[in-house]
Protein backbone atom coordinates (compact mmCIF):
# COMPACT_ATOMS: atom_id res chain seq x y z
CA MET A 1 0.00 0.00 0.00
CA SER A 2 1.42 3.39 -0.93
CA GLN A 3 2.35 6.08 1.55
CA VAL A 4 2.05 9.86 1.20
CA LYS A 5 5.21 11.53 -0.04
CA GLU A 6 6.26 15.04 -1.04
CA ASN A 7 4.27 16.49 -4.00
CA ASP A 8 1.41 13.95 -3.66
CA THR A 9 -2.14 15.24 -3.88
CA VAL A 10 -4.19 13.88 -0.99
CA LYS A 11 -7.61 14.08 0.62
CA VAL A 12 -7.71 14.31 4.40
CA HIS A 13 -10.48 14.58 6.96
CA TYR A 14 -9.38 16.60 9.97
CA THR A 15 -10.50 18.17 13.19
CA GLY A 16 -8.37 21.05 14.45
CA LYS A 17 -8.37 21.83 18.16
CA LEU A 18 -6.64 24.12 20.60
CA LYS A 19 -4.68 22.52 23.44
CA ASN A 20 -7.71 23.01 25.72
CA GLY A 21 -9.79 20.80 23.39
CA GLN A 22 -11.81 23.61 21.78
CA VAL A 23 -12.51 22.71 18.13
CA PHE A 24 -11.74 25.57 15.72
CA ASP A 25 -12.32 23.74 12.41
CA SER A 26 -13.34 20.35 11.08
CA SER A 27 -13.98 18.76 7.69
CA LEU A 28 -16.15 15.95 9.09
CA GLU A 29 -19.44 17.58 8.03
CA ARG A 30 -18.17 18.40 4.54
CA GLU A 31 -15.85 17.10 1.84
CA PRO A 32 -12.33 16.16 2.95
CA LEU A 33 -9.58 18.72 2.43
CA GLU A 34 -7.73 18.15 -0.85
CA PHE A 35 -4.23 19.60 -1.27
CA THR A 36 -0.86 18.95 -2.86
CA LEU A 37 2.05 18.64 -0.47
CA GLY A 38 5.00 20.97 -0.90
CA GLN A 39 3.04 23.94 -2.27
CA GLY A 40 2.91 25.81 1.04
CA MET A 41 -0.89 25.90 1.04
CA LEU A 42 -1.12 24.63 4.63
CA ILE A 43 0.78 25.15 7.84
CA PRO A 44 4.06 23.18 7.83
CA GLY A 45 3.14 20.95 10.78
CA PHE A 46 -0.04 19.75 9.05
CA GLU A 47 1.84 18.79 5.89
CA LYS A 48 4.60 17.03 7.88
CA ALA A 49 1.98 15.04 9.78
CA VAL A 50 0.47 13.64 6.56
CA ILE A 51 3.82 12.40 5.16
CA ASP A 52 4.08 8.57 5.31
CA MET A 53 0.37 8.08 6.09
CA LYS A 54 -1.51 5.36 4.19
CA VAL A 55 -5.14 5.45 3.04
CA ASN A 56 -7.48 4.97 6.04
CA ASP A 57 -4.67 5.76 8.54
CA LYS A 58 -5.80 7.91 11.47
CA LYS A 59 -3.62 9.82 13.91
CA THR A 60 -3.58 12.75 16.29
CA VAL A 61 -0.68 15.21 16.09
CA ASP A 62 0.42 18.14 18.23
CA ILE A 63 1.70 21.02 16.14
CA PRO A 64 3.95 23.54 17.89
CA VAL A 65 3.45 27.27 17.38
CA THR A 66 6.52 27.43 15.09
CA GLU A 67 4.98 24.88 12.68
CA ALA A 68 1.48 26.37 12.91
CA TYR A 69 0.73 30.10 12.54
CA GLY A 70 3.82 31.35 14.37
CA GLU A 71 4.23 33.59 17.38
CA VAL A 72 2.12 36.69 17.90
CA ARG A 73 4.02 39.51 16.17
CA GLN A 74 3.84 42.91 17.86
CA GLU A 75 4.55 44.72 14.58
CA LEU A 76 1.14 43.53 13.33
CA PHE A 77 -0.67 45.66 15.92
CA HIS A 78 -1.59 49.09 14.56
CA LYS A 79 -3.10 52.23 16.01
CA VAL A 80 -5.82 53.66 13.74
CA GLU A 81 -7.46 57.04 14.26
CA LYS A 82 -11.24 56.70 14.49
CA ALA A 83 -11.51 59.46 11.88
CA GLN A 84 -9.97 57.03 9.34
CA LEU A 85 -12.77 54.49 9.76
CA PRO A 86 -15.78 54.45 7.46
CA GLU A 87 -18.68 56.31 9.08
CA GLU A 88 -20.86 53.18 9.26
CA VAL A 89 -18.27 51.25 11.31
CA LYS A 90 -19.05 51.23 15.03
CA PRO A 91 -15.79 49.99 16.58
CA GLU A 92 -16.07 47.21 19.17
CA VAL A 93 -13.42 44.89 20.58
CA GLY A 94 -13.51 41.66 18.53
CA LEU A 95 -14.95 43.27 15.39
CA GLY A 96 -13.21 42.16 12.19
CA LEU A 97 -12.07 44.70 9.63
CA VAL A 98 -10.48 44.36 6.20
CA SER A 99 -7.94 46.78 4.76
CA LYS A 100 -6.76 46.90 1.15
CA ASP A 101 -3.17 47.71 0.23
CA ALA A 102 -2.04 49.64 -2.85
CA GLN A 103 -2.07 46.42 -4.94
CA GLY A 104 -5.68 45.67 -3.93
CA ASN A 105 -4.76 42.77 -1.62
CA GLU A 106 -7.05 42.39 1.37
CA HIS A 107 -5.65 42.12 4.91
CA PRO A 108 -7.92 41.07 7.80
CA PHE A 109 -7.62 42.76 11.19
CA LYS A 110 -9.43 42.40 14.50
CA ILE A 111 -10.11 45.31 16.83
CA VAL A 112 -8.41 44.62 20.17
CA GLU A 113 -8.75 48.02 21.84
CA VAL A 114 -11.16 50.95 21.53
CA ASN A 115 -10.22 54.41 22.85
CA ASP A 116 -11.84 57.85 22.59
CA ASP A 117 -9.93 58.90 19.47
CA HIS A 118 -8.36 55.70 18.14
CA ILE A 119 -8.56 51.93 17.99
CA VAL A 120 -5.85 49.27 18.03
CA VAL A 121 -6.12 46.48 15.47
CA ASP A 122 -4.34 43.14 15.36
CA GLY A 123 -3.24 41.75 11.98
CA ASN A 124 -1.98 38.42 13.32
CA HIS A 125 -3.69 35.21 12.23
CA PRO A 126 -6.37 34.36 14.83
CA LEU A 127 -4.45 31.17 15.72
CA ALA A 128 -1.03 32.86 16.03
CA GLY A 129 0.69 31.95 19.28
CA GLN A 130 -1.35 28.75 19.65
CA GLU A 131 -0.13 25.16 19.79
CA LEU A 132 -2.62 23.13 17.75
CA VAL A 133 -3.87 19.53 17.82
CA PHE A 134 -5.19 17.81 14.69
CA ASP A 135 -7.04 14.52 14.38
CA LEU A 136 -6.26 13.31 10.85
CA GLU A 137 -7.65 10.59 8.60
CA LEU A 138 -6.10 10.02 5.17
CA VAL A 139 -8.96 9.39 2.75
CA GLU A 140 -7.16 9.24 -0.62
CA ILE A 141 -3.80 9.58 -2.35
CA LYS A 142 -4.28 10.75 -5.93
C-alpha cells in the first residue's frame, strides 16, 4: 500500500483543536480537504503530519506554534485614528475589519482596543501563538 510523499495530492479529513480541546475547524461535516504537499498551502506541521500516512490511517498530532501560525508579532498591531474608519463602522473589541493595500490585496484585522480617538487592530492570524492539535484521517492519495 502506498504512503504519502512530497508532492502527492491527498484528501484528508481533519478536526483542528486548541490545546484546551476547543474545536476551531473540522472537515467531518463536509468534503475532505484536498491539497498537494509541498506547495505551502497549509501550515508546515499539518503537511509534515500527513507524510508517510496510508489510506485509512488515522492519527492525532500536536503542532507547535513554530509549525502552525507562528508567534504573535507585535509589529502587526496598529493604532488607527477613528476618523480614518468608514462612518458606518461602530468599533467594538472583537470586530473584524479588512484593509486593502495599494495592490488591492485584502488584509484582515481584528479590533483589540477601543479608545476615545483611536482603535488598536491586530493583523496576526487568529491562531497565532497557539499550539494546535489535529485529528487526521487520510482518505485518498491521488
